[in-house]
N, C-alpha and C. Protein backbone atom coordinates (compact mmCIF):
# COMPACT_ATOMS: atom_id res chain seq x y z
N MET A 1 2.75 -55.31 -172.40
CA MET A 1 2.53 -54.00 -171.84
C MET A 1 1.33 -53.37 -172.55
N THR A 2 0.44 -52.80 -171.78
CA THR A 2 -0.73 -52.16 -172.38
C THR A 2 -0.35 -50.80 -172.91
N ARG A 3 -1.26 -50.25 -173.67
CA ARG A 3 -1.00 -48.94 -174.27
C ARG A 3 -0.86 -47.87 -173.18
N GLU A 4 -1.66 -47.99 -172.12
CA GLU A 4 -1.59 -47.04 -171.01
C GLU A 4 -0.22 -47.08 -170.34
N GLU A 5 0.28 -48.30 -170.12
CA GLU A 5 1.59 -48.45 -169.49
C GLU A 5 2.69 -47.89 -170.38
N GLU A 6 2.55 -48.09 -171.69
CA GLU A 6 3.53 -47.55 -172.63
C GLU A 6 3.53 -46.03 -172.60
N GLN A 7 2.35 -45.42 -172.53
CA GLN A 7 2.26 -43.97 -172.49
C GLN A 7 2.84 -43.43 -171.18
N ARG A 8 2.58 -44.13 -170.09
CA ARG A 8 3.11 -43.70 -168.80
C ARG A 8 4.64 -43.79 -168.82
N ARG A 9 5.15 -44.88 -169.40
CA ARG A 9 6.60 -45.08 -169.50
C ARG A 9 7.22 -43.99 -170.36
N ALA A 10 6.57 -43.66 -171.48
CA ALA A 10 7.06 -42.60 -172.35
C ALA A 10 7.05 -41.26 -171.61
N GLY A 11 6.04 -41.04 -170.78
CA GLY A 11 5.97 -39.79 -170.01
C GLY A 11 7.11 -39.69 -169.01
N LEU A 12 7.41 -40.82 -168.35
CA LEU A 12 8.52 -40.83 -167.39
C LEU A 12 9.85 -40.64 -168.10
N ASP A 13 10.02 -41.28 -169.24
CA ASP A 13 11.24 -41.11 -170.02
C ASP A 13 11.39 -39.65 -170.44
N GLY A 14 10.30 -39.06 -170.86
CA GLY A 14 10.34 -37.65 -171.26
C GLY A 14 10.71 -36.75 -170.10
N GLN A 15 10.17 -37.04 -168.92
CA GLN A 15 10.52 -36.24 -167.75
C GLN A 15 11.99 -36.38 -167.41
N ALA A 16 12.52 -37.60 -167.53
CA ALA A 16 13.93 -37.82 -167.25
C ALA A 16 14.80 -37.03 -168.22
N VAL A 17 14.42 -37.02 -169.49
CA VAL A 17 15.18 -36.27 -170.49
C VAL A 17 15.12 -34.78 -170.17
N LEU A 18 13.95 -34.28 -169.79
CA LEU A 18 13.83 -32.87 -169.46
C LEU A 18 14.67 -32.52 -168.22
N LEU A 19 14.68 -33.40 -167.22
CA LEU A 19 15.50 -33.14 -166.04
C LEU A 19 16.98 -33.09 -166.37
N VAL A 20 17.44 -34.04 -167.17
CA VAL A 20 18.86 -34.06 -167.56
C VAL A 20 19.20 -32.82 -168.37
N ALA A 21 18.31 -32.43 -169.29
CA ALA A 21 18.56 -31.24 -170.10
C ALA A 21 18.60 -29.99 -169.22
N GLY A 22 17.72 -29.93 -168.24
CA GLY A 22 17.72 -28.78 -167.33
C GLY A 22 18.98 -28.71 -166.50
N LEU A 23 19.44 -29.87 -166.00
CA LEU A 23 20.69 -29.90 -165.24
C LEU A 23 21.88 -29.50 -166.11
N ALA A 24 21.90 -29.97 -167.34
CA ALA A 24 22.99 -29.62 -168.25
C ALA A 24 23.00 -28.12 -168.53
N ASP A 25 21.82 -27.56 -168.75
CA ASP A 25 21.72 -26.12 -168.99
C ASP A 25 22.20 -25.33 -167.78
N LEU A 26 21.81 -25.77 -166.59
CA LEU A 26 22.25 -25.12 -165.37
C LEU A 26 23.76 -25.19 -165.23
N ALA A 27 24.34 -26.34 -165.52
CA ALA A 27 25.80 -26.50 -165.42
C ALA A 27 26.51 -25.59 -166.41
N VAL A 28 26.03 -25.53 -167.64
CA VAL A 28 26.66 -24.69 -168.66
C VAL A 28 26.57 -23.22 -168.27
N SER A 29 25.43 -22.78 -167.79
CA SER A 29 25.30 -21.37 -167.42
C SER A 29 26.15 -21.04 -166.20
N THR A 30 26.27 -21.98 -165.27
CA THR A 30 27.11 -21.76 -164.09
C THR A 30 28.57 -21.67 -164.49
N VAL A 31 29.01 -22.56 -165.36
CA VAL A 31 30.40 -22.53 -165.82
C VAL A 31 30.66 -21.24 -166.58
N GLY A 32 29.73 -20.82 -167.40
CA GLY A 32 29.89 -19.58 -168.14
C GLY A 32 30.01 -18.38 -167.21
N SER A 33 29.18 -18.34 -166.19
CA SER A 33 29.25 -17.24 -165.22
C SER A 33 30.58 -17.27 -164.46
N ALA A 34 31.01 -18.48 -164.10
CA ALA A 34 32.27 -18.61 -163.37
C ALA A 34 33.45 -18.14 -164.22
N LEU A 35 33.44 -18.51 -165.50
CA LEU A 35 34.53 -18.08 -166.38
C LEU A 35 34.54 -16.57 -166.54
N GLY A 36 33.38 -15.97 -166.65
CA GLY A 36 33.30 -14.51 -166.72
C GLY A 36 33.84 -13.85 -165.47
N ALA A 37 33.53 -14.42 -164.32
CA ALA A 37 34.04 -13.88 -163.06
C ALA A 37 35.55 -14.02 -162.97
N VAL A 38 36.08 -15.15 -163.44
CA VAL A 38 37.53 -15.36 -163.41
C VAL A 38 38.22 -14.37 -164.33
N ARG A 39 37.67 -14.17 -165.53
CA ARG A 39 38.26 -13.19 -166.45
C ARG A 39 38.28 -11.80 -165.83
N GLY A 40 37.18 -11.43 -165.19
CA GLY A 40 37.12 -10.12 -164.54
C GLY A 40 38.12 -10.01 -163.40
N ALA A 41 38.29 -11.09 -162.66
CA ALA A 41 39.22 -11.08 -161.53
C ALA A 41 40.67 -10.95 -162.01
N LEU A 42 40.99 -11.58 -163.13
CA LEU A 42 42.35 -11.51 -163.63
C LEU A 42 42.73 -10.11 -164.09
N ARG A 43 41.75 -9.31 -164.44
CA ARG A 43 42.02 -7.94 -164.89
C ARG A 43 42.22 -6.98 -163.72
N ARG A 44 41.92 -7.40 -162.53
CA ARG A 44 42.02 -6.51 -161.37
C ARG A 44 43.46 -6.38 -160.91
N SER A 45 43.75 -5.26 -160.27
CA SER A 45 45.10 -5.03 -159.78
C SER A 45 45.33 -5.68 -158.42
N ASP A 46 44.26 -5.95 -157.69
CA ASP A 46 44.39 -6.55 -156.36
C ASP A 46 44.11 -8.05 -156.40
N THR A 47 44.63 -8.72 -157.40
CA THR A 47 44.37 -10.14 -157.60
C THR A 47 44.86 -10.99 -156.43
N ALA A 48 46.03 -10.64 -155.87
CA ALA A 48 46.58 -11.41 -154.75
C ALA A 48 45.65 -11.33 -153.54
N GLU A 49 45.17 -10.13 -153.23
CA GLU A 49 44.25 -9.97 -152.10
C GLU A 49 42.94 -10.71 -152.37
N LEU A 50 42.48 -10.64 -153.59
CA LEU A 50 41.25 -11.32 -153.96
C LEU A 50 41.40 -12.83 -153.81
N ALA A 51 42.57 -13.37 -154.19
CA ALA A 51 42.82 -14.80 -154.06
C ALA A 51 42.87 -15.20 -152.58
N GLU A 52 43.49 -14.37 -151.73
CA GLU A 52 43.53 -14.67 -150.30
C GLU A 52 42.14 -14.68 -149.69
N GLN A 53 41.34 -13.70 -150.09
CA GLN A 53 39.97 -13.64 -149.58
C GLN A 53 39.16 -14.85 -150.05
N ALA A 54 39.35 -15.25 -151.30
CA ALA A 54 38.65 -16.42 -151.82
C ALA A 54 39.07 -17.67 -151.06
N GLU A 55 40.36 -17.77 -150.73
CA GLU A 55 40.83 -18.93 -149.97
C GLU A 55 40.20 -18.96 -148.58
N ARG A 56 40.14 -17.81 -147.91
CA ARG A 56 39.51 -17.73 -146.59
C ARG A 56 38.03 -18.11 -146.67
N ASP A 57 37.36 -17.61 -147.70
CA ASP A 57 35.94 -17.93 -147.87
C ASP A 57 35.73 -19.42 -148.11
N LEU A 58 36.59 -20.02 -148.93
CA LEU A 58 36.46 -21.45 -149.19
C LEU A 58 36.73 -22.28 -147.94
N LEU A 59 37.72 -21.87 -147.14
CA LEU A 59 37.99 -22.58 -145.89
C LEU A 59 36.80 -22.48 -144.94
N ALA A 60 36.20 -21.29 -144.85
CA ALA A 60 35.04 -21.11 -143.98
C ALA A 60 33.86 -21.96 -144.47
N ARG A 61 33.65 -21.97 -145.78
CA ARG A 61 32.57 -22.80 -146.32
C ARG A 61 32.81 -24.27 -146.06
N GLY A 62 34.07 -24.69 -146.17
CA GLY A 62 34.41 -26.07 -145.90
C GLY A 62 34.13 -26.45 -144.45
N ARG A 63 34.50 -25.54 -143.53
CA ARG A 63 34.22 -25.80 -142.11
C ARG A 63 32.72 -25.91 -141.86
N LEU A 64 31.96 -24.99 -142.45
CA LEU A 64 30.52 -25.03 -142.27
C LEU A 64 29.91 -26.31 -142.84
N ALA A 65 30.39 -26.72 -144.01
CA ALA A 65 29.87 -27.95 -144.63
C ALA A 65 30.19 -29.16 -143.77
N LEU A 66 31.41 -29.23 -143.25
CA LEU A 66 31.76 -30.36 -142.39
C LEU A 66 30.96 -30.34 -141.10
N ASP A 67 30.78 -29.17 -140.53
CA ASP A 67 29.98 -29.07 -139.31
C ASP A 67 28.55 -29.50 -139.56
N ARG A 68 28.03 -29.14 -140.72
CA ARG A 68 26.64 -29.45 -141.04
C ARG A 68 26.43 -30.93 -141.29
N TYR A 69 27.35 -31.55 -142.03
CA TYR A 69 27.12 -32.92 -142.46
C TYR A 69 27.90 -33.97 -141.68
N ALA A 70 29.03 -33.60 -141.11
CA ALA A 70 29.87 -34.60 -140.45
C ALA A 70 29.58 -34.73 -138.96
N ALA A 71 29.09 -33.68 -138.35
CA ALA A 71 28.83 -33.72 -136.92
C ALA A 71 27.59 -34.56 -136.65
N PRO A 72 27.71 -35.51 -135.74
CA PRO A 72 26.52 -36.31 -135.42
C PRO A 72 25.51 -35.47 -134.66
N PRO A 73 24.25 -35.70 -134.87
CA PRO A 73 23.24 -34.95 -134.13
C PRO A 73 23.31 -35.31 -132.64
N PRO A 74 22.90 -34.39 -131.78
CA PRO A 74 22.94 -34.70 -130.35
C PRO A 74 22.00 -35.87 -130.03
N ALA A 75 22.40 -36.64 -129.06
CA ALA A 75 21.60 -37.80 -128.66
C ALA A 75 20.27 -37.35 -128.08
N HIS A 76 19.21 -37.95 -128.54
CA HIS A 76 17.87 -37.55 -128.14
C HIS A 76 17.67 -37.71 -126.63
N LEU A 77 18.10 -38.83 -126.10
CA LEU A 77 17.93 -39.07 -124.66
C LEU A 77 18.78 -38.10 -123.84
N GLU A 78 19.93 -37.73 -124.36
CA GLU A 78 20.78 -36.75 -123.65
C GLU A 78 20.07 -35.41 -123.56
N ILE A 79 19.43 -35.00 -124.63
CA ILE A 79 18.69 -33.73 -124.63
C ILE A 79 17.55 -33.80 -123.61
N LEU A 80 16.82 -34.90 -123.61
CA LEU A 80 15.71 -35.05 -122.66
C LEU A 80 16.22 -35.02 -121.21
N ALA A 81 17.35 -35.68 -120.95
CA ALA A 81 17.91 -35.69 -119.60
C ALA A 81 18.32 -34.29 -119.17
N ARG A 82 18.93 -33.53 -120.07
CA ARG A 82 19.33 -32.16 -119.73
C ARG A 82 18.11 -31.29 -119.43
N ARG A 83 17.06 -31.46 -120.22
CA ARG A 83 15.84 -30.68 -119.97
C ARG A 83 15.22 -31.05 -118.62
N ALA A 84 15.23 -32.34 -118.29
CA ALA A 84 14.68 -32.78 -117.00
C ALA A 84 15.48 -32.20 -115.85
N LEU A 85 16.80 -32.21 -115.97
CA LEU A 85 17.65 -31.63 -114.93
C LEU A 85 17.42 -30.12 -114.80
N ALA A 86 17.23 -29.45 -115.92
CA ALA A 86 16.98 -28.02 -115.88
C ALA A 86 15.63 -27.73 -115.21
N ARG A 87 14.63 -28.56 -115.49
CA ARG A 87 13.33 -28.37 -114.83
C ARG A 87 13.42 -28.62 -113.33
N GLN A 88 14.15 -29.67 -112.94
CA GLN A 88 14.32 -29.97 -111.50
C GLN A 88 15.02 -28.82 -110.81
N ALA A 89 16.05 -28.27 -111.46
CA ALA A 89 16.77 -27.16 -110.86
C ALA A 89 15.88 -25.93 -110.74
N ALA A 90 15.02 -25.71 -111.75
CA ALA A 90 14.10 -24.56 -111.70
C ALA A 90 13.04 -24.77 -110.62
N ASP A 91 12.57 -26.00 -110.44
CA ASP A 91 11.56 -26.30 -109.43
C ASP A 91 12.13 -26.17 -108.02
N ASP A 92 13.42 -26.52 -107.86
CA ASP A 92 14.07 -26.47 -106.55
C ASP A 92 14.29 -25.04 -106.10
N GLU A 93 14.37 -24.11 -107.01
CA GLU A 93 14.64 -22.71 -106.66
C GLU A 93 13.44 -22.04 -106.12
């Protein structure tokens, strides 16, 4: 391996370390924020209502995520056929 290749490899390794450190920092700060929110929620008097609302929100987010990722995209040829039929119907009028 030449010196240039070694330097490039060291640069990539350094970038990987920085990315992992950044992700770890993000995870720690997110967990810290979440714990603070949970502590605040436990002190509230309307905890049961808050839990119900959180459950509804999580169910809605789950539905949205499944719709976004699980639903197959519409067939390209089907879309083209519908547009052609719509144009024919508009031309016939």
